[in-house]
Amino acid sequence: MNKRWIFCGVAALLLVALVVSLACCSCFAPGKGPDPQARLSWVDGPQGRLRVEDGGRGDLIPVLFVHGLAADRRVWTNQVEHLRWYRRTVAFDLRGHGESELAKNGDYSMEAYASDVAAVADGLGLQKFVLVGHSMGGAIIGAYAGKHPERVAGLLFDDPAGDLSKLPKESIEQWLKGFEPQNYGTFSEHWFGEMLVPARPATREQVLAGLRKAPREVVAASARAMASYDPIPALKAYGGPMLTVVTPQNEEPYSLQNVVPGLPSKEMKDVSHWLQMDNPSGFNALMDDFLGEVQKGAR
C-alpha cells in the first residue's frame, strides 16, 4: 500500500481519537465549558421592559453589572467579555437608559432603579450574586443590597456617587439648576467634559454619545434623586463584603469611602471617571482580586 495513504489513515484515526477524547472530557461537558457569547433578552421591570445581556456559565458566583447616569450596559463591555469565559455575567440597561423603556410612573429614584435590579435578578433566576456599580450605579447597588442582603455576595463600587446630601444646600441647588431645560445642553456637556479630562478618545466619544441620547427628563430626575439619597442606612443593613475603586478626583468628604466606616478603597490614577473603560486591564485585575476573596468567603 502507498505509504502516503497509510500516513493519512493513521492521521485520521488519531484525529478521531482526539475528538472523542475531547467530547468525553468533563471540561467540555454541557454547561461547563467557556461560553463568552452574550444573549440579549427582555425582562419585565416594574415600570417597563428592561434590555438584558446575559452570558457565560460556570460554578462561580455570578456577577451583575449596573451602569451609571446617561449610560447603558455597554460601559461594561471589557469587563463582561473578560469574565464570561468562566462565570455567568449579566449587564442591563436601567429604566429610561439604552434600549430599556421609560418608567411609566416617572420614578427615577435610587430605590426605583434598585427595583429594576431586583426584576433582572429574579427574571434570570439569580439566587446569590456580586453587584458591580459605576457612579450612580454604586448608589443603586447599595440600595438593592440594603433590601436584599441575603442575595448579595459582594458589592464592588466603581468610582461611585457618594453622599451628596452632605453637600451645602446652595451648592446642590446650583448644580440642579443645570438640569433645567434652558441650561441643560451647555451644562451637561461641560459637567461630563470635566469628568472626561483624562479619558481616552474612545471613552470620551462613547460617553458623550450616551449623554446626548439620554432623555433630559430622565437625567434631571435621576440627579435630583441622587442629590437627596443617603447611602449609609442601606449599606449598614447589608454589612457584607465591599470594595470601592476610585479616581484621585473622588476624594471628597462626601465620597463613599469617607462616609462609610471601614469601606476598603483602591485608587486608580491617570483615568477619567469611567475608569473601567480607560484602563480595563487595571480595573479587571482589581475586580478579579475582589471576586476571588468573595468566592473564598462563600466556601
Protein backbone atom coordinates (compact mmCIF):
# COMPACT_ATOMS: atom_id res chain seq x y z
CA MET A 1 0.00 0.00 0.00
CA ASN A 2 1.19 3.51 -0.77
CA LYS A 3 2.98 4.98 2.29
CA ARG A 4 1.15 8.27 1.78
CA TRP A 5 -2.22 6.56 2.18
CA ILE A 6 -1.00 4.73 5.29
CA PHE A 7 0.12 8.03 6.84
CA CYS A 8 -3.21 9.69 6.03
CA GLY A 9 -5.12 6.77 7.54
CA VAL A 10 -3.14 6.90 10.78
CA ALA A 11 -3.58 10.68 10.98
CA ALA A 12 -7.33 10.32 10.52
CA LEU A 13 -7.55 7.73 13.30
CA LEU A 14 -5.59 9.99 15.64
CA LEU A 15 -7.90 12.90 14.82
CA VAL A 16 -10.99 10.78 15.56
CA ALA A 17 -9.46 9.67 18.86
CA LEU A 18 -8.73 13.26 19.82
CA VAL A 19 -12.28 14.38 19.05
CA VAL A 20 -13.75 11.51 21.08
CA SER A 21 -11.40 12.29 23.96
CA LEU A 22 -12.43 15.95 24.00
CA ALA A 23 -16.10 15.06 23.79
CA CYS A 24 -15.73 12.87 26.85
CA CYS A 25 -13.67 15.35 28.82
CA SER A 26 -15.68 16.84 31.70
CA CYS A 27 -14.36 20.33 30.99
CA PHE A 28 -16.23 20.33 27.68
CA ALA A 29 -19.43 18.86 29.10
CA PRO A 30 -22.62 20.88 28.52
CA GLY A 31 -22.78 23.84 30.86
CA LYS A 32 -19.15 23.51 31.99
CA GLY A 33 -17.03 24.89 29.16
CA PRO A 34 -16.34 28.52 28.28
CA ASP A 35 -19.33 30.45 26.95
CA PRO A 36 -18.28 34.01 26.10
CA GLN A 37 -21.29 34.69 23.88
CA ALA A 38 -23.87 37.18 25.06
CA ARG A 39 -27.61 36.55 24.81
CA LEU A 40 -29.93 39.54 24.53
CA SER A 41 -33.39 39.35 26.04
CA TRP A 42 -36.10 41.42 27.70
CA VAL A 43 -37.13 41.31 31.34
CA ASP A 44 -40.37 42.85 32.54
CA GLY A 45 -39.41 45.51 35.04
CA PRO A 46 -41.82 47.13 37.49
CA GLN A 47 -42.29 50.13 35.17
CA GLY A 48 -41.39 48.82 31.72
CA ARG A 49 -39.30 46.35 29.79
CA LEU A 50 -35.58 46.17 30.52
CA ARG A 51 -32.94 45.19 27.97
CA VAL A 52 -30.66 42.47 29.35
CA GLU A 53 -27.40 40.93 28.14
CA ASP A 54 -26.70 37.54 29.72
CA GLY A 55 -23.78 35.22 29.04
CA GLY A 56 -21.15 32.94 30.49
CA ARG A 57 -21.54 29.97 32.77
CA GLY A 58 -19.75 28.04 35.47
CA ASP A 59 -19.94 27.22 39.16
CA LEU A 60 -18.55 30.57 40.35
CA ILE A 61 -20.78 33.27 41.83
CA PRO A 62 -22.48 35.27 39.02
CA VAL A 63 -21.84 38.99 38.55
CA LEU A 64 -24.48 41.61 37.74
CA PHE A 65 -23.29 44.99 36.41
CA VAL A 66 -25.17 48.28 36.85
CA HIS A 67 -24.19 51.33 34.79
CA GLY A 68 -24.36 54.99 35.79
CA LEU A 69 -26.23 58.10 34.70
CA ALA A 70 -26.82 58.68 30.96
CA ALA A 71 -25.07 55.43 30.08
CA ASP A 72 -26.03 51.86 29.21
CA ARG A 73 -24.78 48.30 29.60
CA ARG A 74 -22.01 48.82 27.01
CA VAL A 75 -19.81 50.68 29.52
CA TRP A 76 -19.06 47.19 30.89
CA THR A 77 -18.06 45.57 27.59
CA ASN A 78 -14.46 44.93 28.62
CA GLN A 79 -15.49 43.51 31.98
CA VAL A 80 -18.21 41.15 30.76
CA GLU A 81 -16.02 39.84 27.95
CA HIS A 82 -13.29 39.20 30.50
CA LEU A 83 -15.50 37.34 32.98
CA ARG A 84 -17.73 35.34 30.67
CA TRP A 85 -15.04 32.79 29.94
CA TYR A 86 -15.55 31.24 33.35
CA ARG A 87 -18.60 32.69 35.13
CA ARG A 88 -22.11 33.89 34.38
CA THR A 89 -22.18 37.63 33.85
CA VAL A 90 -25.16 39.94 33.34
CA ALA A 91 -25.40 43.59 32.29
CA PHE A 92 -28.59 45.51 31.55
CA ASP A 93 -29.98 48.94 30.71
CA LEU A 94 -31.69 50.75 33.58
CA ARG A 95 -35.16 52.23 33.02
CA GLY A 96 -35.02 55.20 30.67
CA HIS A 97 -31.50 54.30 29.51
CA GLY A 98 -30.18 52.47 26.47
CA GLU A 99 -32.82 50.20 24.98
CA SER A 100 -34.94 49.92 28.13
CA GLU A 101 -38.32 51.62 28.33
CA LEU A 102 -39.06 54.80 30.20
CA ALA A 103 -40.62 54.42 33.65
CA LYS A 104 -44.38 54.64 33.30
CA ASN A 105 -44.64 56.50 36.61
CA GLY A 106 -41.61 58.73 36.00
CA ASP A 107 -39.83 57.43 39.12
CA TYR A 108 -36.03 57.54 38.78
CA SER A 109 -35.09 57.36 42.43
CA MET A 110 -32.29 55.09 43.61
CA GLU A 111 -34.84 52.78 45.19
CA ALA A 112 -36.80 52.62 41.92
CA TYR A 113 -33.66 51.74 39.99
CA ALA A 114 -32.91 49.09 42.64
CA SER A 115 -36.28 47.52 41.82
CA ASP A 116 -35.03 47.15 38.23
CA VAL A 117 -32.03 45.22 39.59
CA ALA A 118 -34.45 43.03 41.52
CA ALA A 119 -36.54 42.38 38.40
CA VAL A 120 -33.48 41.33 36.39
CA ALA A 121 -32.10 39.10 39.14
CA ASP A 122 -35.48 37.42 39.67
CA GLY A 123 -36.23 37.18 35.96
CA LEU A 124 -32.94 35.41 35.26
CA GLY A 125 -33.11 33.19 38.33
CA LEU A 126 -30.02 34.61 40.02
CA GLN A 127 -30.08 33.46 43.63
CA LYS A 128 -26.87 34.99 45.01
CA PHE A 129 -24.54 37.24 43.07
CA VAL A 130 -21.97 40.02 43.17
CA LEU A 131 -23.11 43.51 42.17
CA VAL A 132 -20.79 45.96 40.41
CA GLY A 133 -21.98 49.55 40.03
CA HIS A 134 -20.45 52.59 38.37
CA SER A 135 -21.11 56.16 39.57
CA MET A 136 -24.89 56.40 40.16
CA GLY A 137 -24.90 52.63 39.77
CA GLY A 138 -22.97 52.47 43.03
CA ALA A 139 -25.87 54.08 44.87
CA ILE A 140 -28.27 51.70 43.13
CA ILE A 141 -26.45 48.50 44.06
CA GLY A 142 -26.21 49.70 47.64
CA ALA A 143 -29.93 50.39 47.72
CA TYR A 144 -30.64 46.88 46.40
CA ALA A 145 -28.25 45.24 48.87
CA GLY A 146 -29.90 47.02 51.79
CA LYS A 147 -33.24 45.48 50.90
CA HIS A 148 -31.95 42.06 49.86
CA PRO A 149 -28.73 41.42 51.83
CA GLU A 150 -29.17 37.66 51.64
CA ARG A 151 -28.98 37.77 47.82
CA VAL A 152 -25.77 39.82 47.56
CA ALA A 153 -22.40 38.07 47.85
CA GLY A 154 -20.41 41.28 47.43
CA LEU A 155 -20.55 44.92 46.33
CA LEU A 156 -17.89 46.43 44.06
CA PHE A 157 -18.22 50.20 43.66
CA ASP A 158 -16.64 51.76 40.57
CA ASP A 159 -15.91 55.46 41.31
CA PRO A 160 -19.34 55.67 42.97
CA ALA A 161 -21.50 58.63 43.79
CA GLY A 162 -21.10 59.46 47.46
CA ASP A 163 -23.47 61.04 49.94
CA LEU A 164 -24.39 64.19 48.03
CA SER A 165 -26.85 65.10 50.76
CA LYS A 166 -23.82 66.21 52.80
CA LEU A 167 -23.02 68.99 50.32
CA PRO A 168 -24.09 72.56 51.16
CA LYS A 169 -27.68 73.24 50.13
CA GLU A 170 -26.63 76.18 47.96
CA SER A 171 -24.16 74.02 46.01
CA ILE A 172 -26.78 71.35 45.36
CA GLU A 173 -29.38 73.89 44.23
CA GLN A 174 -26.91 75.47 41.83
CA TRP A 175 -25.97 72.05 40.45
CA LEU A 176 -29.60 71.05 39.92
CA LYS A 177 -30.31 74.28 38.03
CA GLY A 178 -28.02 72.96 35.34
CA PHE A 179 -30.56 70.27 34.53
CA GLU A 180 -33.34 72.73 33.77
CA PRO A 181 -34.34 72.85 30.08
CA GLN A 182 -32.79 76.25 29.35
CA ASN A 183 -29.41 75.22 30.83
CA TYR A 184 -29.22 71.51 30.15
CA GLY A 185 -27.38 71.33 26.81
CA THR A 186 -24.45 73.54 27.76
CA PHE A 187 -24.31 72.44 31.40
CA SER A 188 -24.43 68.68 30.81
CA GLU A 189 -21.69 68.76 28.16
CA HIS A 190 -19.49 70.87 30.44
CA TRP A 191 -20.14 68.72 33.51
CA PHE A 192 -19.38 65.46 31.73
CA GLY A 193 -16.46 67.11 29.94
CA GLU A 194 -14.79 67.93 33.26
CA MET A 195 -15.06 64.29 34.34
CA LEU A 196 -13.63 63.20 30.96
CA VAL A 197 -10.45 65.32 31.03
CA PRO A 198 -8.01 62.36 31.30
CA ALA A 199 -10.21 59.99 29.24
CA ARG A 200 -9.14 58.01 26.20
CA PRO A 201 -10.66 59.33 22.95
CA ALA A 202 -12.81 56.20 22.58
CA THR A 203 -14.13 56.62 26.12
CA ARG A 204 -14.93 60.28 25.54
CA GLU A 205 -16.79 59.52 22.30
CA GLN A 206 -18.91 56.73 23.81
CA VAL A 207 -19.75 58.63 27.00
CA LEU A 208 -20.79 61.83 25.22
CA ALA A 209 -22.83 59.86 22.70
CA GLY A 210 -24.71 58.25 25.59
CA LEU A 211 -25.29 61.63 27.23
CA ARG A 212 -26.72 63.11 24.04
CA LYS A 213 -29.01 60.12 23.59
CA ALA A 214 -30.34 60.09 27.16
CA PRO A 215 -33.67 61.91 27.71
CA ARG A 216 -33.14 65.12 29.67
CA GLU A 217 -36.11 64.33 31.92
CA VAL A 218 -34.51 61.03 32.97
CA VAL A 219 -31.12 62.62 33.66
CA ALA A 220 -32.66 65.52 35.59
CA ALA A 221 -34.91 63.30 37.72
CA SER A 222 -32.00 60.96 38.46
CA ALA A 223 -29.78 63.87 39.50
CA ARG A 224 -32.45 65.18 41.87
CA ALA A 225 -32.78 61.72 43.39
CA MET A 226 -29.01 61.36 43.84
CA ALA A 227 -28.80 64.76 45.49
CA SER A 228 -31.10 63.66 48.31
CA TYR A 229 -30.06 59.99 48.62
CA ASP A 230 -28.31 58.86 51.80
CA PRO A 231 -26.44 55.59 51.10
CA ILE A 232 -25.50 54.82 54.71
CA PRO A 233 -28.65 53.05 56.02
CA ALA A 234 -28.76 50.57 53.14
CA LEU A 235 -25.07 49.70 53.41
CA LYS A 236 -25.40 49.21 57.17
CA ALA A 237 -28.30 46.85 56.54
CA TYR A 238 -26.18 44.91 54.04
CA GLY A 239 -22.94 44.52 56.00
CA GLY A 240 -21.27 42.10 53.55
CA PRO A 241 -18.01 42.26 51.53
CA MET A 242 -17.44 45.60 49.80
CA LEU A 243 -14.72 47.41 47.86
CA THR A 244 -14.66 50.82 46.19
CA VAL A 245 -12.27 51.67 43.35
CA VAL A 246 -11.90 55.42 42.89
CA THR A 247 -10.02 58.10 40.98
CA PRO A 248 -7.98 60.78 42.80
CA GLN A 249 -10.80 63.24 41.99
CA ASN A 250 -13.21 61.17 44.09
CA GLU A 251 -11.56 62.01 47.38
CA GLU A 252 -14.00 64.42 49.00
CA PRO A 253 -15.57 64.49 52.47
CA TYR A 254 -18.80 63.19 50.93
CA SER A 255 -17.09 60.39 48.91
CA LEU A 256 -18.39 56.93 49.75
CA GLN A 257 -15.11 55.68 51.26
CA ASN A 258 -15.13 58.68 53.61
CA VAL A 259 -18.71 58.33 54.83
CA VAL A 260 -18.90 54.53 55.20
CA PRO A 261 -16.73 53.41 58.13
CA GLY A 262 -14.35 50.59 57.22
CA LEU A 263 -15.09 50.60 53.49
CA PRO A 264 -11.93 49.31 51.73
CA SER A 265 -10.74 51.58 48.92
CA LYS A 266 -8.33 51.26 45.98
CA GLU A 267 -7.21 54.14 43.77
CA MET A 268 -6.58 54.18 40.02
CA LYS A 269 -4.65 57.09 38.52
CA ASP A 270 -4.45 58.60 35.04
CA VAL A 271 -8.05 57.66 34.24
CA SER A 272 -11.33 59.51 33.93
CA HIS A 273 -14.49 58.88 35.95
CA TRP A 274 -15.13 55.97 33.53
CA LEU A 275 -12.02 54.20 34.73
CA GLN A 276 -13.22 50.72 33.74
CA MET A 277 -13.21 51.94 30.13
CA ASP A 278 -9.96 53.90 30.26
CA ASN A 279 -7.90 51.15 31.89
CA PRO A 280 -9.85 47.91 31.60
CA SER A 281 -6.93 45.63 32.44
CA GLY A 282 -6.17 47.57 35.63
CA PHE A 283 -9.80 47.59 36.73
CA ASN A 284 -10.26 43.93 35.80
CA ALA A 285 -7.28 42.95 37.94
CA LEU A 286 -8.80 44.67 40.99
CA MET A 287 -12.18 43.15 40.18
CA ASP A 288 -10.67 39.66 39.89
CA ASP A 289 -8.98 40.03 43.28
CA PHE A 290 -12.25 41.11 44.89
CA LEU A 291 -14.23 38.31 43.26
CA GLY A 292 -11.61 35.82 44.42
CA GLU A 293 -11.96 36.99 48.01
CA VAL A 294 -15.75 36.82 47.80
CA GLN A 295 -15.57 33.31 46.36
CA LYS A 296 -13.27 32.16 49.19
CA GLY A 297 -15.65 33.56 51.77
CA ALA A 298 -18.56 31.70 50.21
CA ARG A 299 -16.99 28.28 50.63
